[in-house]
């Protein structure tokens, strides 16, 4: 399992914040509605959003053991990933150029 990137962590935290807001809205809607059917739907949605929140929290906990412990470590990991990506892109470009040269030679 690879560590989560900073963007992935931000996305998960945003999702958790959204789920928390939806939980609060479901609680408020269920408390304010006089209609039993609407109240039941709100309670079902409340359970779904709690499950989503718990799933996201579990995901973060699973990755905590491989997450960087310091900002410096996180920066080093991101730089390493960027370097690997750049190297892969360079290799792809070289392979494409080689294939193009071979194709051009085959035409002559």
N, C-alpha and C. Protein backbone atom coordinates (compact mmCIF):
# COMPACT_ATOMS: atom_id res chain seq x y z
N UNK A 1 0.85 -1.17 0.00
CA UNK A 1 0.00 0.00 0.00
C UNK A 1 0.89 1.23 0.00
N UNK A 2 0.59 2.16 -0.93
CA UNK A 2 1.37 3.38 -1.03
C UNK A 2 0.79 4.44 -0.10
N UNK A 3 1.64 5.32 0.43
CA UNK A 3 1.13 6.41 1.27
C UNK A 3 0.24 7.34 0.45
N UNK A 4 -0.72 7.94 1.12
CA UNK A 4 -1.59 8.90 0.45
C UNK A 4 -0.82 10.19 0.19
N UNK A 5 -1.13 10.83 -0.91
CA UNK A 5 -0.50 12.11 -1.21
C UNK A 5 -1.22 13.21 -0.42
N UNK A 6 -0.61 14.37 -0.40
CA UNK A 6 -1.22 15.51 0.28
C UNK A 6 -2.59 15.85 -0.30
N UNK A 7 -2.71 15.78 -1.63
CA UNK A 7 -4.00 16.07 -2.27
C UNK A 7 -5.04 15.04 -1.88
N UNK A 8 -4.64 13.78 -1.82
CA UNK A 8 -5.58 12.73 -1.44
C UNK A 8 -6.05 12.93 0.00
N UNK A 9 -5.12 13.29 0.88
CA UNK A 9 -5.49 13.54 2.27
C UNK A 9 -6.46 14.71 2.37
N UNK A 10 -6.19 15.78 1.63
CA UNK A 10 -7.08 16.94 1.64
C UNK A 10 -8.46 16.55 1.14
N UNK A 11 -8.51 15.73 0.10
CA UNK A 11 -9.79 15.29 -0.45
C UNK A 11 -10.57 14.48 0.58
N UNK A 12 -9.89 13.58 1.26
CA UNK A 12 -10.56 12.74 2.27
C UNK A 12 -11.08 13.60 3.41
N UNK A 13 -10.27 14.55 3.86
CA UNK A 13 -10.70 15.45 4.94
C UNK A 13 -11.91 16.27 4.50
N UNK A 14 -11.90 16.76 3.26
CA UNK A 14 -13.06 17.49 2.74
C UNK A 14 -14.30 16.61 2.72
N UNK A 15 -14.13 15.37 2.29
CA UNK A 15 -15.26 14.44 2.26
C UNK A 15 -15.80 14.19 3.66
N UNK A 16 -14.91 14.05 4.62
CA UNK A 16 -15.34 13.83 6.00
C UNK A 16 -16.10 15.05 6.52
N UNK A 17 -15.63 16.22 6.18
CA UNK A 17 -16.31 17.44 6.59
C UNK A 17 -17.70 17.51 5.98
N UNK A 18 -17.81 17.15 4.70
CA UNK A 18 -19.12 17.13 4.04
C UNK A 18 -20.05 16.11 4.67
N UNK A 19 -19.53 14.93 4.97
CA UNK A 19 -20.36 13.90 5.60
C UNK A 19 -20.84 14.36 6.98
N UNK A 20 -19.96 15.03 7.71
CA UNK A 20 -20.32 15.54 9.04
C UNK A 20 -21.46 16.57 8.91
N UNK A 21 -21.36 17.45 7.93
CA UNK A 21 -22.42 18.43 7.70
C UNK A 21 -23.73 17.74 7.34
N UNK A 22 -23.67 16.73 6.48
CA UNK A 22 -24.87 16.00 6.09
C UNK A 22 -25.50 15.27 7.28
N UNK A 23 -24.66 14.75 8.16
CA UNK A 23 -25.16 14.09 9.38
C UNK A 23 -25.95 15.10 10.21
N UNK A 24 -25.38 16.28 10.40
CA UNK A 24 -26.06 17.32 11.20
C UNK A 24 -27.37 17.76 10.54
N UNK A 25 -27.37 17.86 9.22
CA UNK A 25 -28.59 18.26 8.53
C UNK A 25 -29.67 17.19 8.63
N UNK A 26 -29.27 15.93 8.56
CA UNK A 26 -30.24 14.84 8.71
C UNK A 26 -30.84 14.82 10.10
N UNK A 27 -30.03 15.04 11.11
CA UNK A 27 -30.52 15.08 12.49
C UNK A 27 -31.52 16.23 12.65
N UNK A 28 -31.16 17.40 12.12
CA UNK A 28 -32.04 18.56 12.23
C UNK A 28 -33.35 18.33 11.48
N UNK A 29 -33.26 17.78 10.28
CA UNK A 29 -34.48 17.54 9.48
C UNK A 29 -35.38 16.52 10.16
N UNK A 30 -34.77 15.47 10.70
CA UNK A 30 -35.57 14.43 11.37
C UNK A 30 -36.25 15.00 12.61
N UNK A 31 -35.58 15.90 13.30
CA UNK A 31 -36.15 16.47 14.52
C UNK A 31 -37.27 17.47 14.21
N UNK A 32 -37.20 18.11 13.04
CA UNK A 32 -38.16 19.16 12.73
C UNK A 32 -39.39 18.69 11.96
N UNK A 33 -39.31 17.55 11.33
CA UNK A 33 -40.45 17.13 10.49
C UNK A 33 -41.54 16.46 11.32
N UNK A 34 -42.78 16.79 11.02
CA UNK A 34 -43.88 16.12 11.71
C UNK A 34 -44.31 14.83 11.00
N UNK A 35 -43.78 14.61 9.80
CA UNK A 35 -44.20 13.47 8.99
C UNK A 35 -43.35 12.24 9.30
N UNK A 36 -43.95 11.16 9.75
CA UNK A 36 -43.19 9.95 10.09
C UNK A 36 -42.38 9.39 8.92
N UNK A 37 -42.94 9.42 7.72
CA UNK A 37 -42.22 8.88 6.56
C UNK A 37 -40.96 9.69 6.26
N UNK A 38 -41.08 11.00 6.35
CA UNK A 38 -39.92 11.87 6.10
C UNK A 38 -38.88 11.66 7.21
N UNK A 39 -39.34 11.53 8.42
CA UNK A 39 -38.44 11.29 9.55
C UNK A 39 -37.67 9.99 9.34
N UNK A 40 -38.36 8.95 8.86
CA UNK A 40 -37.72 7.66 8.63
C UNK A 40 -36.65 7.78 7.54
N UNK A 41 -36.94 8.50 6.48
CA UNK A 41 -35.97 8.70 5.40
C UNK A 41 -34.75 9.46 5.92
N UNK A 42 -34.98 10.49 6.71
CA UNK A 42 -33.88 11.25 7.29
C UNK A 42 -33.00 10.36 8.17
N UNK A 43 -33.62 9.49 8.94
CA UNK A 43 -32.86 8.58 9.80
C UNK A 43 -32.06 7.57 8.97
N UNK A 44 -32.62 7.11 7.86
CA UNK A 44 -31.89 6.21 6.97
C UNK A 44 -30.68 6.92 6.36
N UNK A 45 -30.91 8.15 5.91
CA UNK A 45 -29.80 8.93 5.35
C UNK A 45 -28.75 9.21 6.41
N UNK A 46 -29.20 9.46 7.63
CA UNK A 46 -28.27 9.69 8.74
C UNK A 46 -27.35 8.49 8.91
N UNK A 47 -27.91 7.29 8.90
CA UNK A 47 -27.10 6.08 9.04
C UNK A 47 -26.12 5.92 7.89
N UNK A 48 -26.56 6.22 6.66
CA UNK A 48 -25.67 6.13 5.50
C UNK A 48 -24.49 7.09 5.63
N UNK A 49 -24.78 8.32 6.02
CA UNK A 49 -23.70 9.31 6.13
C UNK A 49 -22.75 8.97 7.28
N UNK A 50 -23.27 8.40 8.35
CA UNK A 50 -22.39 7.94 9.44
C UNK A 50 -21.48 6.82 8.95
N UNK A 51 -22.02 5.92 8.13
CA UNK A 51 -21.20 4.83 7.59
C UNK A 51 -20.13 5.38 6.65
N UNK A 52 -20.50 6.35 5.82
CA UNK A 52 -19.52 6.97 4.92
C UNK A 52 -18.40 7.62 5.73
N UNK A 53 -18.79 8.37 6.77
CA UNK A 53 -17.80 9.05 7.61
C UNK A 53 -16.87 8.02 8.26
N UNK A 54 -17.45 6.95 8.79
CA UNK A 54 -16.65 5.92 9.44
C UNK A 54 -15.72 5.23 8.45
N UNK A 55 -16.19 5.00 7.23
CA UNK A 55 -15.35 4.40 6.20
C UNK A 55 -14.15 5.27 5.86
N UNK A 56 -14.38 6.57 5.75
CA UNK A 56 -13.28 7.50 5.47
C UNK A 56 -12.29 7.54 6.64
N UNK A 57 -12.81 7.53 7.85
CA UNK A 57 -11.95 7.53 9.03
C UNK A 57 -11.11 6.25 9.08
N UNK A 58 -11.72 5.12 8.77
CA UNK A 58 -11.00 3.85 8.73
C UNK A 58 -9.89 3.89 7.70
N UNK A 59 -10.18 4.47 6.53
CA UNK A 59 -9.18 4.60 5.49
C UNK A 59 -7.97 5.39 5.98
N UNK A 60 -8.23 6.50 6.64
CA UNK A 60 -7.12 7.30 7.18
C UNK A 60 -6.33 6.52 8.22
N UNK A 61 -7.02 5.78 9.07
CA UNK A 61 -6.34 5.01 10.10
C UNK A 61 -5.49 3.91 9.49
N UNK A 62 -5.94 3.29 8.41
CA UNK A 62 -5.17 2.24 7.75
C UNK A 62 -3.88 2.80 7.16
N UNK A 63 -3.91 4.03 6.72
CA UNK A 63 -2.74 4.64 6.11
C UNK A 63 -1.84 5.36 7.12
N UNK A 64 -2.28 5.48 8.35
CA UNK A 64 -1.49 6.24 9.33
C UNK A 64 -0.14 5.60 9.62
N UNK A 65 -0.05 4.29 9.51
CA UNK A 65 1.23 3.63 9.82
C UNK A 65 2.29 3.89 8.75
N UNK A 66 1.86 4.20 7.52
CA UNK A 66 2.84 4.47 6.47
C UNK A 66 2.89 5.95 6.09
N UNK A 67 2.10 6.75 6.78
CA UNK A 67 2.09 8.18 6.49
C UNK A 67 3.36 8.83 7.01
N UNK A 68 3.81 9.89 6.36
CA UNK A 68 4.99 10.60 6.86
C UNK A 68 4.70 11.21 8.23
N UNK A 69 5.71 11.23 9.07
CA UNK A 69 5.55 11.72 10.44
C UNK A 69 5.87 13.21 10.57
N UNK A 70 6.62 13.74 9.61
CA UNK A 70 6.99 15.15 9.66
C UNK A 70 6.74 15.80 8.31
N UNK A 71 6.71 17.11 8.29
CA UNK A 71 6.54 17.85 7.04
C UNK A 71 7.72 17.57 6.12
N UNK A 72 8.91 17.49 6.70
CA UNK A 72 10.11 17.23 5.90
C UNK A 72 10.03 15.87 5.21
N UNK A 73 9.56 14.88 5.96
CA UNK A 73 9.41 13.53 5.39
C UNK A 73 8.36 13.53 4.29
N UNK A 74 7.26 14.25 4.49
CA UNK A 74 6.22 14.33 3.47
C UNK A 74 6.75 15.02 2.22
N UNK A 75 7.52 16.09 2.41
CA UNK A 75 8.09 16.81 1.28
C UNK A 75 9.05 15.92 0.51
N UNK A 76 9.88 15.19 1.24
CA UNK A 76 10.83 14.28 0.59
C UNK A 76 10.10 13.19 -0.20
N UNK A 77 9.02 12.67 0.36
CA UNK A 77 8.26 11.63 -0.33
C UNK A 77 7.63 12.18 -1.60
N UNK A 78 7.08 13.40 -1.52
CA UNK A 78 6.46 14.00 -2.71
C UNK A 78 7.50 14.29 -3.78
N UNK A 79 8.68 14.77 -3.36
CA UNK A 79 9.74 15.04 -4.32
C UNK A 79 10.19 13.74 -4.99
N UNK A 80 10.28 12.68 -4.22
CA UNK A 80 10.68 11.39 -4.78
C UNK A 80 9.64 10.91 -5.79
N UNK A 81 8.35 11.05 -5.45
CA UNK A 81 7.29 10.65 -6.37
C UNK A 81 7.32 11.49 -7.64
N UNK A 82 7.57 12.79 -7.49
CA UNK A 82 7.64 13.67 -8.66
C UNK A 82 8.82 13.29 -9.54
N UNK A 83 9.95 12.96 -8.92
CA UNK A 83 11.13 12.56 -9.68
C UNK A 83 10.86 11.26 -10.44
N UNK A 84 10.19 10.31 -9.79
CA UNK A 84 9.86 9.05 -10.45
C UNK A 84 8.92 9.29 -11.63
N UNK A 85 7.94 10.16 -11.43
CA UNK A 85 7.01 10.48 -12.51
C UNK A 85 7.73 11.13 -13.67
N UNK A 86 8.63 12.07 -13.36
CA UNK A 86 9.39 12.75 -14.41
C UNK A 86 10.26 11.75 -15.17
N UNK A 87 10.87 10.83 -14.44
CA UNK A 87 11.72 9.81 -15.07
C UNK A 87 10.88 8.92 -15.99
N UNK A 88 9.70 8.52 -15.55
CA UNK A 88 8.83 7.69 -16.38
C UNK A 88 8.39 8.45 -17.63
N UNK A 89 8.08 9.73 -17.47
CA UNK A 89 7.68 10.53 -18.63
C UNK A 89 8.84 10.67 -19.61
N UNK A 90 10.04 10.86 -19.09
CA UNK A 90 11.21 10.97 -19.95
C UNK A 90 11.44 9.67 -20.72
N UNK A 91 11.30 8.55 -20.04
CA UNK A 91 11.47 7.25 -20.69
C UNK A 91 10.42 7.05 -21.77
N UNK A 92 9.18 7.49 -21.53
CA UNK A 92 8.13 7.37 -22.53
C UNK A 92 8.45 8.23 -23.76
N UNK A 93 8.94 9.43 -23.52
CA UNK A 93 9.28 10.33 -24.63
C UNK A 93 10.42 9.73 -25.45
N UNK A 94 11.42 9.20 -24.78
CA UNK A 94 12.55 8.58 -25.49
C UNK A 94 12.07 7.39 -26.32
N UNK A 95 11.19 6.58 -25.73
CA UNK A 95 10.66 5.42 -26.46
C UNK A 95 9.84 5.87 -27.66
N UNK A 96 9.06 6.92 -27.51
CA UNK A 96 8.27 7.44 -28.63
C UNK A 96 9.18 7.98 -29.72
N UNK A 97 10.23 8.71 -29.31
CA UNK A 97 11.16 9.25 -30.30
C UNK A 97 11.87 8.12 -31.05
N UNK A 98 12.24 7.08 -30.33
CA UNK A 98 12.91 5.93 -30.95
C UNK A 98 11.97 5.24 -31.94
N UNK A 99 10.73 5.06 -31.54
CA UNK A 99 9.75 4.43 -32.42
C UNK A 99 9.52 5.30 -33.65
N UNK A 100 9.50 6.60 -33.47
CA UNK A 100 9.31 7.52 -34.60
C UNK A 100 10.50 7.43 -35.56
N UNK A 101 11.71 7.40 -35.00
CA UNK A 101 12.91 7.28 -35.85
C UNK A 101 12.89 5.97 -36.64
N UNK A 102 12.53 4.88 -35.97
CA UNK A 102 12.47 3.58 -36.64
C UNK A 102 11.40 3.60 -37.73
N UNK A 103 10.30 4.25 -37.47
CA UNK A 103 9.25 4.35 -38.48
C UNK A 103 9.73 5.16 -39.67
N UNK A 104 10.42 6.27 -39.39
CA UNK A 104 10.94 7.12 -40.47
C UNK A 104 11.97 6.36 -41.31
N UNK A 105 12.83 5.58 -40.64
CA UNK A 105 13.84 4.80 -41.36
C UNK A 105 13.19 3.74 -42.23
N UNK A 106 12.10 3.19 -41.76
CA UNK A 106 11.39 2.17 -42.54
C UNK A 106 10.74 2.75 -43.77
N UNK A 107 10.44 4.03 -43.74
CA UNK A 107 9.84 4.68 -44.91
C UNK A 107 10.87 4.96 -46.01
N UNK A 108 12.15 5.08 -45.63
CA UNK A 108 13.19 5.44 -46.61
C UNK A 108 13.81 4.24 -47.19
